Protein backbone atom coordinates (compact mmCIF):
# COMPACT_ATOMS: atom_id res chain seq x y z
CA MET A 1 0.00 0.00 0.00
CA MET A 2 1.38 3.40 -1.00
CA ARG A 3 1.63 5.81 1.88
CA LYS A 4 0.38 9.31 1.21
CA THR A 5 1.87 12.30 2.96
CA THR A 6 0.04 15.44 3.95
CA SER A 7 -0.58 17.59 0.89
CA LEU A 8 1.44 20.73 0.41
CA LYS A 9 -0.81 23.55 1.50
CA PRO A 10 -2.32 25.81 -1.17
CA LEU A 11 -1.83 29.55 -1.11
CA ARG A 12 -3.90 31.23 1.56
CA LEU A 13 -5.03 34.80 1.97
CA ILE A 14 -2.60 36.94 3.95
CA LYS A 15 -2.41 40.52 4.96
CA ALA A 16 0.57 42.37 3.58
CA THR A 17 1.88 45.86 4.02
CA GLN A 18 4.49 47.58 1.92
CA ASP A 19 7.63 48.13 3.93
CA HIS A 20 9.82 50.51 1.97
CA LYS A 21 12.96 49.80 3.85
CA GLU A 22 16.36 48.77 2.70
CA GLY A 23 16.25 45.77 0.37
CA PHE A 24 14.45 46.92 -2.79
CA ASP A 25 14.31 49.94 -5.06
CA GLU A 26 11.70 52.67 -5.05
CA VAL A 27 10.66 51.77 -8.59
CA GLU A 28 9.15 48.61 -7.07
CA ASP A 29 6.79 50.49 -4.77
CA ASP A 30 3.82 49.89 -7.03
CA GLU A 31 2.29 46.44 -6.82
CA GLN A 32 2.44 44.32 -9.96
CA PRO A 33 0.20 41.36 -10.88
CA LEU A 34 1.68 37.89 -11.23
CA SER A 35 1.96 36.74 -14.81
CA PRO A 36 -0.29 33.85 -15.88
CA GLY A 37 2.81 31.64 -16.03
CA ALA A 38 3.68 32.41 -12.42
CA ARG A 39 0.05 32.03 -11.35
CA LEU A 40 -0.09 28.52 -12.86
CA PHE A 41 2.44 27.35 -10.27
CA HIS A 42 -0.07 28.04 -7.52
CA GLU A 43 -2.71 25.77 -8.99
CA PRO A 44 -3.38 22.33 -7.42
CA GLY A 45 -0.88 19.76 -8.64
CA ALA A 46 1.57 22.42 -9.81
CA ASN A 47 2.93 23.72 -6.50
CA VAL A 48 6.49 23.18 -7.74
CA TYR A 49 9.72 24.16 -6.00
CA ILE A 50 13.15 24.38 -7.60
CA ILE A 51 16.09 22.98 -5.65
CA ILE A 52 19.58 24.27 -6.56
CA ILE A 53 22.49 22.48 -4.87
CA LEU A 54 25.92 24.11 -4.85
CA GLY A 55 28.89 22.12 -3.59
CA MET A 56 31.65 24.44 -2.33
CA LYS A 57 35.38 23.77 -2.26
CA THR A 58 35.65 25.39 1.17
CA GLN A 59 33.46 25.65 4.23
CA ILE A 60 30.82 28.37 3.94
CA ASN A 61 31.02 31.63 5.85
CA THR A 62 27.39 32.32 6.73
CA ASP A 63 28.11 35.92 7.75
CA VAL A 64 29.60 36.65 4.32
CA PHE A 65 26.51 35.26 2.61
CA LYS A 66 24.18 37.30 4.82
CA ALA A 67 26.21 40.44 4.18
CA ASN A 68 25.99 40.02 0.38
CA ILE A 69 22.44 38.75 -0.14
CA PRO A 70 20.66 42.10 0.57
CA ASP A 71 22.63 43.85 -2.19
CA SER A 72 22.38 41.01 -4.67
CA ILE A 73 19.55 38.48 -4.55
CA CYS A 74 17.18 40.72 -2.58
CA LYS A 75 17.61 43.51 -5.11
CA ASN A 76 15.53 41.40 -7.46
CA HIS A 77 11.99 42.35 -6.49
CA ARG A 78 10.69 38.79 -6.84
CA PHE A 79 12.93 37.78 -3.93
CA SER A 80 11.81 40.71 -1.80
CA SER A 81 8.07 40.59 -2.45
CA LEU A 82 5.13 38.65 -1.11
CA GLN A 83 2.74 36.91 -3.47
CA VAL A 84 -0.65 38.08 -2.25
CA LEU A 85 -4.05 36.81 -3.29
CA ASP A 86 -6.57 39.61 -3.78
CA LYS A 87 -9.79 38.54 -2.09
CA GLU A 88 -11.98 40.76 -4.28
CA ASN A 89 -10.88 39.69 -7.75
CA GLY A 90 -9.09 36.40 -7.04
CA LYS A 91 -5.90 37.61 -8.71
CA MET A 92 -2.40 37.63 -7.28
CA LYS A 93 0.14 40.42 -7.09
CA TRP A 94 3.68 41.09 -5.95
CA VAL A 95 3.76 43.20 -2.78
CA PRO A 96 7.21 44.54 -1.76
CA THR A 97 8.22 43.74 1.80
CA HIS A 98 11.27 43.90 4.03
CA VAL A 99 13.30 40.67 3.92
CA GLU A 100 14.27 39.28 7.29
CA LEU A 101 17.34 37.26 6.39
CA ASP A 102 17.11 35.09 9.49
CA ASN A 103 13.82 33.77 8.11
CA HIS A 104 15.45 32.81 4.82
CA VAL A 105 19.04 31.79 5.58
CA ILE A 106 18.98 28.58 7.61
CA VAL A 107 22.02 26.89 9.15
CA PRO A 108 20.89 23.60 10.71
CA LYS A 109 22.73 21.93 13.55
CA PHE A 110 24.24 18.53 12.91
CA ASP A 111 26.46 16.02 14.59
CA PRO A 112 30.08 16.82 13.60
CA ASP A 113 30.89 13.14 14.08
CA THR A 114 28.29 11.97 11.60
CA GLU A 115 29.57 8.94 9.71
CA SER A 116 28.43 10.07 6.29
CA GLY A 117 28.20 13.71 5.31
CA ASP A 118 26.80 12.70 1.92
CA LYS A 119 23.95 10.78 3.54
CA PHE A 120 23.23 13.71 5.87
CA VAL A 121 23.02 16.19 2.97
CA GLU A 122 20.91 13.82 0.86
CA ASP A 123 18.47 13.18 3.73
CA TYR A 124 18.28 16.90 4.50
CA ILE A 125 17.32 17.77 0.92
CA SER A 126 14.77 14.96 0.87
CA ASN A 127 13.22 16.32 4.07
CA LEU A 128 12.90 19.74 2.45
CA SER A 129 10.65 18.19 -0.19
CA LYS A 130 8.16 17.27 2.55
CA SER A 131 7.32 20.91 3.15
CA HIS A 132 6.54 24.21 1.48
CA ILE A 133 7.60 27.79 2.23
CA ASP A 134 5.03 29.82 4.15
CA ASN A 135 3.60 32.53 1.90
CA SER A 136 3.81 35.12 4.68
CA LYS A 137 7.35 35.74 3.39
CA PRO A 138 9.00 35.76 -0.07
CA LEU A 139 8.98 32.21 -1.41
CA TRP A 140 12.65 31.27 -1.20
CA ASP A 141 15.17 30.13 1.35
CA LEU A 142 18.84 29.15 1.55
CA HIS A 143 20.15 26.27 3.63
CA ILE A 144 23.86 26.17 4.50
CA LEU A 145 25.31 22.79 5.47
CA ASN A 146 28.93 22.93 6.58
CA THR A 147 29.46 19.21 6.58
CA LYS A 148 32.13 17.53 4.47
CA THR A 149 30.98 15.35 1.60
CA LEU A 150 32.75 13.44 -1.13
CA ASN A 151 32.73 16.40 -3.53
CA ALA A 152 32.42 19.43 -1.25
CA GLN A 153 33.52 20.97 2.03
CA GLY A 154 30.17 22.73 2.38
CA THR A 155 26.82 22.68 0.58
CA CYS A 156 24.37 25.48 -0.25
CA ILE A 157 20.79 24.49 -1.00
CA PHE A 158 18.59 27.16 -2.58
CA ARG A 159 14.86 26.37 -2.49
CA ILE A 160 12.78 28.66 -4.70
CA HIS A 161 9.12 28.49 -5.63
CA HIS A 162 8.79 28.05 -9.40
CA SER A 163 6.49 31.08 -9.63
CA ILE A 164 9.55 33.29 -8.99
CA GLY A 165 11.26 32.17 -12.18
CA ASP A 166 12.38 29.27 -14.35
CA GLY A 167 15.73 27.54 -14.50
CA MET A 168 17.36 29.92 -16.97
CA SER A 169 16.37 33.08 -15.10
CA LEU A 170 17.61 31.60 -11.82
CA VAL A 171 20.92 30.49 -13.35
CA ASN A 172 21.39 33.99 -14.77
CA LEU A 173 20.71 35.53 -11.37
CA LEU A 174 23.15 33.10 -9.74
CA LEU A 175 25.84 34.02 -12.24
CA ALA A 176 25.19 37.73 -11.81
CA CYS A 177 25.94 37.22 -8.10
CA SER A 178 29.08 35.23 -8.95
CA ARG A 179 32.48 35.90 -10.45
CA LYS A 180 34.93 33.83 -12.42
CA ALA A 181 37.17 31.98 -9.98
CA SER A 182 40.13 32.97 -12.16
CA ASP A 183 39.12 36.65 -12.30
CA PRO A 184 37.25 38.15 -9.31
CA GLU A 185 36.17 41.13 -11.45
CA ALA A 186 34.64 39.18 -14.35
CA LEU A 187 31.14 37.77 -14.72
CA PRO A 188 30.87 34.11 -15.78
CA THR A 189 29.46 33.20 -19.18
CA LEU A 190 26.90 30.71 -20.44
CA PRO A 191 27.24 28.67 -23.65
CA GLY A 192 25.71 29.88 -26.95
CA ASP A 193 22.39 31.14 -28.11
CA ASN A 194 19.16 29.16 -28.05
CA LYS A 195 18.71 28.27 -31.73
CA LEU A 196 15.10 27.21 -31.24
CA GLY A 197 14.37 30.52 -29.54
CA ARG A 198 15.99 32.48 -32.34
CA LYS A 199 14.01 30.50 -34.90
CA ILE A 200 10.78 31.28 -33.07
CA LYS A 201 11.74 34.96 -32.87
CA LEU A 202 12.42 34.99 -36.64
CA VAL A 203 9.10 33.36 -37.46
CA THR A 204 7.08 35.71 -35.30
CA SER A 205 9.01 38.75 -36.51
CA PHE A 206 8.01 37.99 -40.13
CA ARG A 207 4.44 37.47 -38.97
CA TYR A 208 3.74 34.22 -40.70
CA LEU A 209 0.32 34.45 -39.15
CA PHE A 210 -1.42 31.95 -41.35
CA MET A 211 1.20 29.28 -40.67
CA VAL A 212 1.15 30.00 -36.94
CA ILE A 213 -2.65 29.90 -36.76
CA TRP A 214 -2.90 26.70 -38.79
CA ASN A 215 -0.23 24.88 -36.81
CA ALA A 216 -1.74 26.17 -33.56
CA ILE A 217 -5.05 24.56 -34.54
CA VAL A 218 -3.30 21.27 -35.33
CA ALA A 219 -1.32 21.44 -32.08
CA LEU A 220 -4.52 22.19 -30.17
CA VAL A 221 -6.13 19.03 -31.54
CA VAL A 222 -3.07 16.96 -30.61
CA PHE A 223 -2.99 18.59 -27.17
CA ILE A 224 -6.65 17.75 -26.51
CA LEU A 225 -6.09 14.17 -27.64
CA THR A 226 -3.17 13.94 -25.23
CA VAL A 227 -5.40 15.10 -22.39
CA LEU A 228 -8.04 12.53 -23.29
CA PHE A 229 -5.60 9.76 -24.18
CA PRO A 230 -4.97 7.01 -21.59
CA LYS A 231 -1.88 7.12 -19.43
CA ASP A 232 1.47 5.71 -20.48
CA THR A 233 2.08 1.98 -20.24
CA LYS A 234 2.00 0.98 -16.59
CA THR A 235 5.59 0.29 -15.50
CA LEU A 236 7.72 0.28 -12.37
CA LEU A 237 8.27 4.02 -13.01
CA SER A 238 4.58 4.97 -13.10
CA GLY A 239 3.17 7.34 -10.52
CA TYR A 240 -0.35 7.58 -9.14
CA PRO A 241 -2.85 10.37 -8.30
CA GLY A 242 -1.54 12.72 -5.63
CA ILE A 243 2.11 11.78 -6.11
CA GLU A 244 2.98 15.46 -6.46
CA ASP A 245 2.47 15.75 -2.70
CA ARG A 246 4.97 13.01 -1.89
CA PRO A 247 8.56 13.67 -0.72
CA ARG A 248 11.45 13.13 -3.13
CA ARG A 249 14.93 11.71 -3.02
CA PHE A 250 17.52 13.74 -4.95
CA VAL A 251 20.65 11.99 -6.22
CA PHE A 252 23.03 12.91 -9.00
CA THR A 253 26.02 11.75 -11.00
CA SER A 254 28.46 13.70 -13.18
CA VAL A 255 29.96 12.64 -16.50
CA SER A 256 32.63 14.17 -18.68
CA PHE A 257 31.34 16.81 -21.08
CA ASP A 258 34.14 15.75 -23.43
CA ASP A 259 32.59 12.26 -23.62
CA ILE A 260 29.25 13.82 -24.57
CA LYS A 261 30.93 15.93 -27.25
CA LEU A 262 32.89 12.91 -28.53
CA VAL A 263 29.63 11.06 -29.25
CA LYS A 264 28.08 14.25 -30.64
CA LYS A 265 30.91 14.79 -33.12
CA ALA A 266 31.12 11.17 -34.22
CA MET A 267 27.37 10.95 -34.88
CA ASP A 268 26.93 14.49 -36.22
CA VAL A 269 24.12 15.26 -33.80
CA LYS A 270 23.37 17.91 -31.15
CA VAL A 271 24.54 17.75 -27.55
CA ASN A 272 20.89 17.55 -26.51
CA ASP A 273 20.39 14.51 -28.76
CA VAL A 274 23.21 12.70 -26.98
CA VAL A 275 21.88 13.69 -23.54
CA LEU A 276 18.36 12.47 -24.36
CA GLY A 277 19.77 9.31 -25.93
CA VAL A 278 21.71 8.59 -22.74
CA ILE A 279 18.55 9.12 -20.68
CA LYS A 280 16.49 6.85 -22.94
CA ALA A 281 19.15 4.12 -22.82
CA GLY A 282 19.58 4.53 -19.06
CA LEU A 283 15.83 4.26 -18.44
CA TYR A 284 15.64 1.06 -20.47
CA ARG A 285 18.63 -0.49 -18.69
CA TYR A 286 17.22 0.48 -15.29
CA LEU A 287 13.75 -0.94 -16.08
CA ASN A 288 15.27 -4.09 -17.49
CA ARG A 289 17.15 -4.76 -14.27
CA ARG A 290 14.11 -3.93 -12.15
CA TYR A 291 12.10 -6.48 -14.14
CA GLY A 292 14.62 -9.19 -13.32
CA ALA A 293 17.41 -9.08 -15.87
CA LYS A 294 20.81 -9.87 -14.38
CA GLU A 295 22.50 -8.74 -17.57
CA ASN A 296 21.22 -6.07 -19.94
CA ASN A 297 21.63 -8.25 -23.01
CA ASN A 298 18.42 -10.07 -22.01
CA ASN A 299 15.14 -8.21 -22.47
CA HIS A 300 12.84 -8.48 -19.46
CA VAL A 301 10.85 -5.29 -20.11
CA PRO A 302 7.27 -6.15 -21.16
CA GLU A 303 6.71 -5.88 -24.91
CA ASN A 304 5.20 -2.73 -26.40
CA THR A 305 6.17 -0.66 -23.36
CA ARG A 306 5.95 2.99 -24.38
CA LEU A 307 6.62 5.93 -22.13
CA ARG A 308 6.30 9.62 -22.73
CA ALA A 309 8.60 12.30 -21.40
CA THR A 310 7.51 15.88 -20.83
CA LEU A 311 10.52 17.76 -22.19
CA PHE A 312 10.76 21.43 -21.18
CA PHE A 313 12.18 24.09 -23.52
CA ASN A 314 13.63 27.53 -22.86
CA MET A 315 11.62 29.86 -25.11
CA ARG A 316 14.01 32.79 -24.92
CA PRO A 317 16.14 33.54 -28.01
CA SER A 318 19.27 33.25 -25.88
CA THR A 319 20.47 31.40 -22.80
CA MET A 320 21.96 34.69 -21.66
CA ILE A 321 18.93 36.67 -20.55
CA GLU A 322 19.02 40.35 -21.51
CA VAL A 323 19.44 41.45 -17.91
CA ARG A 324 22.90 39.91 -17.94
CA VAL A 325 24.32 42.49 -20.37
CA ALA A 326 25.48 44.45 -17.35
CA SER A 327 29.20 44.21 -16.62
CA THR A 328 28.89 44.72 -12.88
CA LEU A 329 26.53 43.47 -10.20
CA GLU A 330 25.35 47.01 -9.46
CA SER A 331 24.45 47.77 -13.08
CA TYR A 332 22.84 44.33 -13.41
CA MET A 333 20.56 45.00 -10.46
CA ALA A 334 19.76 48.52 -11.65
CA PHE A 335 18.86 47.11 -15.06
CA ASN A 336 16.76 44.39 -13.46
CA THR A 337 14.74 46.45 -10.99
CA ASP A 338 11.79 46.57 -13.39
CA ALA A 339 11.94 42.90 -14.34
CA THR A 340 8.19 42.36 -14.59
CA ARG A 341 7.97 44.91 -17.39
CA ARG A 342 10.73 43.31 -19.45
CA PRO A 343 9.15 40.45 -21.40
CA GLY A 344 12.44 38.70 -22.15
CA ALA A 345 13.96 39.08 -18.74
CA TRP A 346 12.36 37.14 -15.94
CA GLY A 347 9.46 34.87 -15.19
CA ASN A 348 8.69 31.43 -16.63
CA LYS A 349 9.52 31.56 -20.33
CA VAL A 350 9.24 27.83 -20.87
CA SER A 351 7.15 25.47 -22.94
CA TYR A 352 7.18 21.73 -23.44
CA VAL A 353 6.75 18.88 -25.89
CA LEU A 354 5.82 15.25 -25.35
CA LEU A 355 8.56 12.86 -26.42
CA SER A 356 7.82 9.15 -26.90
CA PHE A 357 10.26 6.61 -25.46
CA ASP A 358 9.70 3.04 -26.62
CA MET A 359 11.48 0.79 -24.12
CA LYS A 360 13.13 -1.71 -26.45
CA HIS A 361 16.46 -3.47 -26.28
CA LYS A 362 19.10 -2.05 -28.62
CA GLN A 363 22.21 -4.04 -29.35
CA ASP A 364 23.89 -0.79 -30.31
CA LEU A 365 23.12 1.92 -27.71
CA LEU A 366 23.85 4.58 -30.33
CA ASP A 367 20.48 3.65 -31.85
CA TYR A 368 18.85 5.41 -28.90
CA VAL A 369 20.61 8.63 -29.96
CA ARG A 370 19.59 8.12 -33.59
CA GLU A 371 15.94 7.71 -32.59
CA VAL A 372 16.02 10.79 -30.41
CA LYS A 373 17.64 12.84 -33.18
CA THR A 374 14.84 11.94 -35.59
CA ASP A 375 12.14 12.76 -33.03
CA MET A 376 13.75 16.06 -31.99
CA GLU A 377 14.23 17.24 -35.58
CA ARG A 378 10.52 16.66 -36.15
CA LYS A 379 9.61 18.55 -32.98
CA LYS A 380 11.83 21.51 -33.80
CA ALA A 381 10.77 21.71 -37.45
CA SER A 382 7.12 21.87 -36.42
CA LEU A 383 7.83 24.55 -33.77
CA GLU A 384 5.76 22.42 -31.39
CA PRO A 385 7.09 24.17 -28.25
CA LEU A 386 5.80 27.48 -29.62
CA TYR A 387 2.36 26.10 -30.36
CA THR A 388 2.12 24.44 -26.97
CA ALA A 389 2.84 27.83 -25.38
CA ILE A 390 0.27 29.50 -27.64
CA ILE A 391 -2.37 26.92 -26.69
CA ILE A 392 -1.76 27.35 -22.95
CA ASN A 393 -1.92 31.15 -23.27
CA LEU A 394 -5.11 30.86 -25.33
CA VAL A 395 -6.70 28.55 -22.74
CA ILE A 396 -5.78 31.01 -19.98
CA LYS A 397 -7.40 33.90 -21.85
CA LEU A 398 -10.55 31.97 -22.74
CA PHE A 399 -11.12 29.84 -19.66
CA GLY A 400 -8.83 31.22 -16.95
CA VAL A 401 -5.75 30.08 -15.05
CA LYS A 402 -7.54 27.38 -13.02
CA PHE A 403 -8.75 25.55 -16.11
CA ALA A 404 -5.29 25.83 -17.71
CA GLY A 405 -3.77 24.44 -14.52
CA LYS A 406 -6.07 21.42 -14.61
CA LEU A 407 -5.23 20.89 -18.27
CA ASN A 408 -1.48 21.02 -17.63
CA HIS A 409 -1.82 18.68 -14.66
CA LYS A 410 -3.75 16.19 -16.79
CA VAL A 411 -1.07 16.20 -19.48
CA PHE A 412 1.82 15.86 -17.03
CA SER A 413 0.20 13.15 -14.91
CA ASN A 414 -0.47 11.10 -18.06
CA THR A 415 3.27 10.96 -18.77
CA THR A 416 6.00 9.08 -16.93
CA VAL A 417 9.04 11.34 -16.64
CA ALA A 418 9.83 15.05 -16.72
CA LEU A 419 13.05 16.16 -18.43
CA SER A 420 14.92 19.44 -18.11
CA ASN A 421 18.29 20.58 -19.48
CA VAL A 422 19.82 23.84 -18.20
CA PRO A 423 23.24 25.06 -19.39
CA GLY A 424 25.50 26.27 -16.61
CA PRO A 425 28.63 28.45 -16.55
CA GLN A 426 31.54 27.59 -18.78
CA GLU A 427 34.13 28.63 -16.20
CA HIS A 428 34.64 27.79 -12.54
CA ILE A 429 32.72 30.36 -10.50
CA SER A 430 33.02 31.88 -7.08
CA LEU A 431 29.87 32.85 -5.13
CA TYR A 432 30.54 35.52 -2.51
CA GLY A 433 34.17 34.42 -2.42
CA HIS A 434 33.38 30.68 -2.19
CA GLN A 435 34.52 28.61 -5.16
CA VAL A 436 31.81 26.31 -6.49
CA ASN A 437 32.83 22.70 -7.17
CA TYR A 438 29.55 21.46 -8.65
CA ILE A 439 26.01 22.60 -9.50
CA ALA A 440 22.95 20.33 -9.40
CA SER A 441 19.32 21.35 -9.70
CA SER A 442 15.91 19.73 -9.87
CA CYS A 443 12.30 20.13 -8.70
CA TYR A 444 9.68 18.63 -6.45
CA GLY A 445 5.91 18.95 -6.56
CA GLN A 446 5.48 17.67 -10.14
CA PRO A 447 2.80 14.99 -10.79
CA MET A 448 5.26 12.32 -11.99
CA ALA A 449 7.27 9.86 -9.91
CA LEU A 450 10.46 10.74 -11.79
CA MET A 451 12.25 13.81 -13.06
CA ILE A 452 15.70 13.86 -14.64
CA SER A 453 17.41 17.24 -14.87
CA VAL A 454 20.71 17.92 -16.61
CA VAL A 455 23.04 20.77 -15.68
CA SER A 456 26.38 21.54 -17.33
CA TYR A 457 29.23 23.17 -15.43
CA VAL A 458 32.68 23.75 -16.99
CA ASP A 459 33.83 20.27 -18.15
CA LYS A 460 31.13 18.24 -16.40
CA MET A 461 27.51 17.39 -17.10
CA THR A 462 25.43 16.38 -14.10
CA PHE A 463 22.34 14.17 -14.28
CA VAL A 464 20.04 14.88 -11.32
CA VAL A 465 17.34 12.35 -10.45
CA SER A 466 14.31 13.50 -8.43
CA ALA A 467 12.40 10.35 -7.52
CA ASP A 468 9.58 9.14 -5.33
CA GLU A 469 11.25 6.51 -3.15
CA GLU A 470 8.27 4.18 -3.02
CA ILE A 471 8.13 4.00 -6.81
CA ILE A 472 11.89 4.19 -7.37
CA PRO A 473 13.56 2.84 -4.22
CA ASP A 474 17.05 2.83 -5.72
CA PRO A 475 17.56 6.10 -7.63
CA GLN A 476 21.34 5.71 -7.37
CA SER A 477 21.01 2.63 -9.59
CA LEU A 478 19.35 4.81 -12.24
CA CYS A 479 22.28 7.24 -12.00
CA HIS A 480 24.64 4.29 -12.49
CA GLU A 481 22.76 3.19 -15.62
CA LEU A 482 22.91 6.70 -17.06
CA GLN A 483 26.65 6.81 -16.52
CA ALA A 484 27.12 3.28 -17.91
CA SER A 485 25.04 4.11 -21.01
CA LEU A 486 27.32 7.00 -21.94
CA GLN A 487 30.44 4.86 -21.46
CA LEU A 488 29.00 2.12 -23.67
CA MET A 489 28.17 4.70 -26.35
CA LYS A 490 31.72 6.03 -26.11
CA SER A 491 33.06 2.48 -26.49
CA SER A 492 30.86 1.93 -29.57
CA ILE A 493 32.31 5.08 -31.13
CA SER A 494 35.84 3.92 -30.40
CA ASN A 495 35.19 0.51 -31.98
CA VAL A 496 33.91 1.96 -35.25
């Protein structure tokens, strides 16, 4: 029998007063409404939190963090505002408030003689997923764990409600607060432009309205069929109603970015194709072992097993959000004070597509990459992420946020796994004088039992598994299969 935890509490009405003290700019005095995208994350089944884990090369000086946060993170009005529900019209708005750092920066006590720092950190993060942040304060907090682990001397855990922003906006804010480890005066950089985003921008700029309208109609039909269509094949990865309220276990493994690029170059595909191919191969290998296979050359996965992944896309034309053009932290924050009025700057500029994963044995694991490449080329050529975003916006305008939230929840809960890929900094970074050894991020609160997030950092790519432990009791085994899949692909390339 599956145990069900207490549901994360929905947003409640609170009284809020504007406190124009130190911590935000005067331009933020006027209250701004939440965007529909932000409002969606307060609907039942979508109360999602982002977890960002930073492993530091040294122990963390809490006083230094507290001294820097007011002039960096808190300068962004989303981190220094309440999200208040208006009782009269049912809408939500940002209300500036004074940030009490002691309510946001948490340094838990722990036994210095603990046998495993890694287990302590992992359990701590899992416990965070059992709770939500009280909406009487801005919806973020920072947990500092000065316990030694295998890959860090100290660990920072940022927990941020998804309504504040998506992965790309949060990574950009993190980097704006950071410096290159090799140059304390220089801002870090992110890899390349978002080609899909630029393509979308080009299409909309030439106003191919007929094409957009026609494809939107087609996408709407497909979207409705997806809502009505039965769930994925029942497997050992399948969730159940209410699983979004269950706690999660977060584990991760890092692979060499050079190995990813080696496969990419040999197969003439995109980095994302290789990443998705590794995930598809890893999921098959994991399921095969769970179904009883001692070796992966024997297929124990039931025939005709088909899963669908909800793959999220950054809809901005660039990974480097426009607010990051500033060369200094001060000019960045000055440029960003009016973030809600800059359509390309902040918020949740994401869309998604549904990607089919047929769980079949492949003698050559590179076939998983080939299949993904074909599917992704079809998705990109059809601009499906754009039409999905158009449909959701249209539903919001016609039927309201609540109906759109139910629609999204239906789509997500009918799929098996959520996938996210966020590019990180290309150089080693230092946050408030603390050099970062690794970056891992994921979410909890989504209506699937499994989410796999991918984050790049310098020469590493980290696969982060967010899993319900009753459905997936051994998430580290899944990490192992992901790592093994890439190595087998690399071996196949070498043998050609």
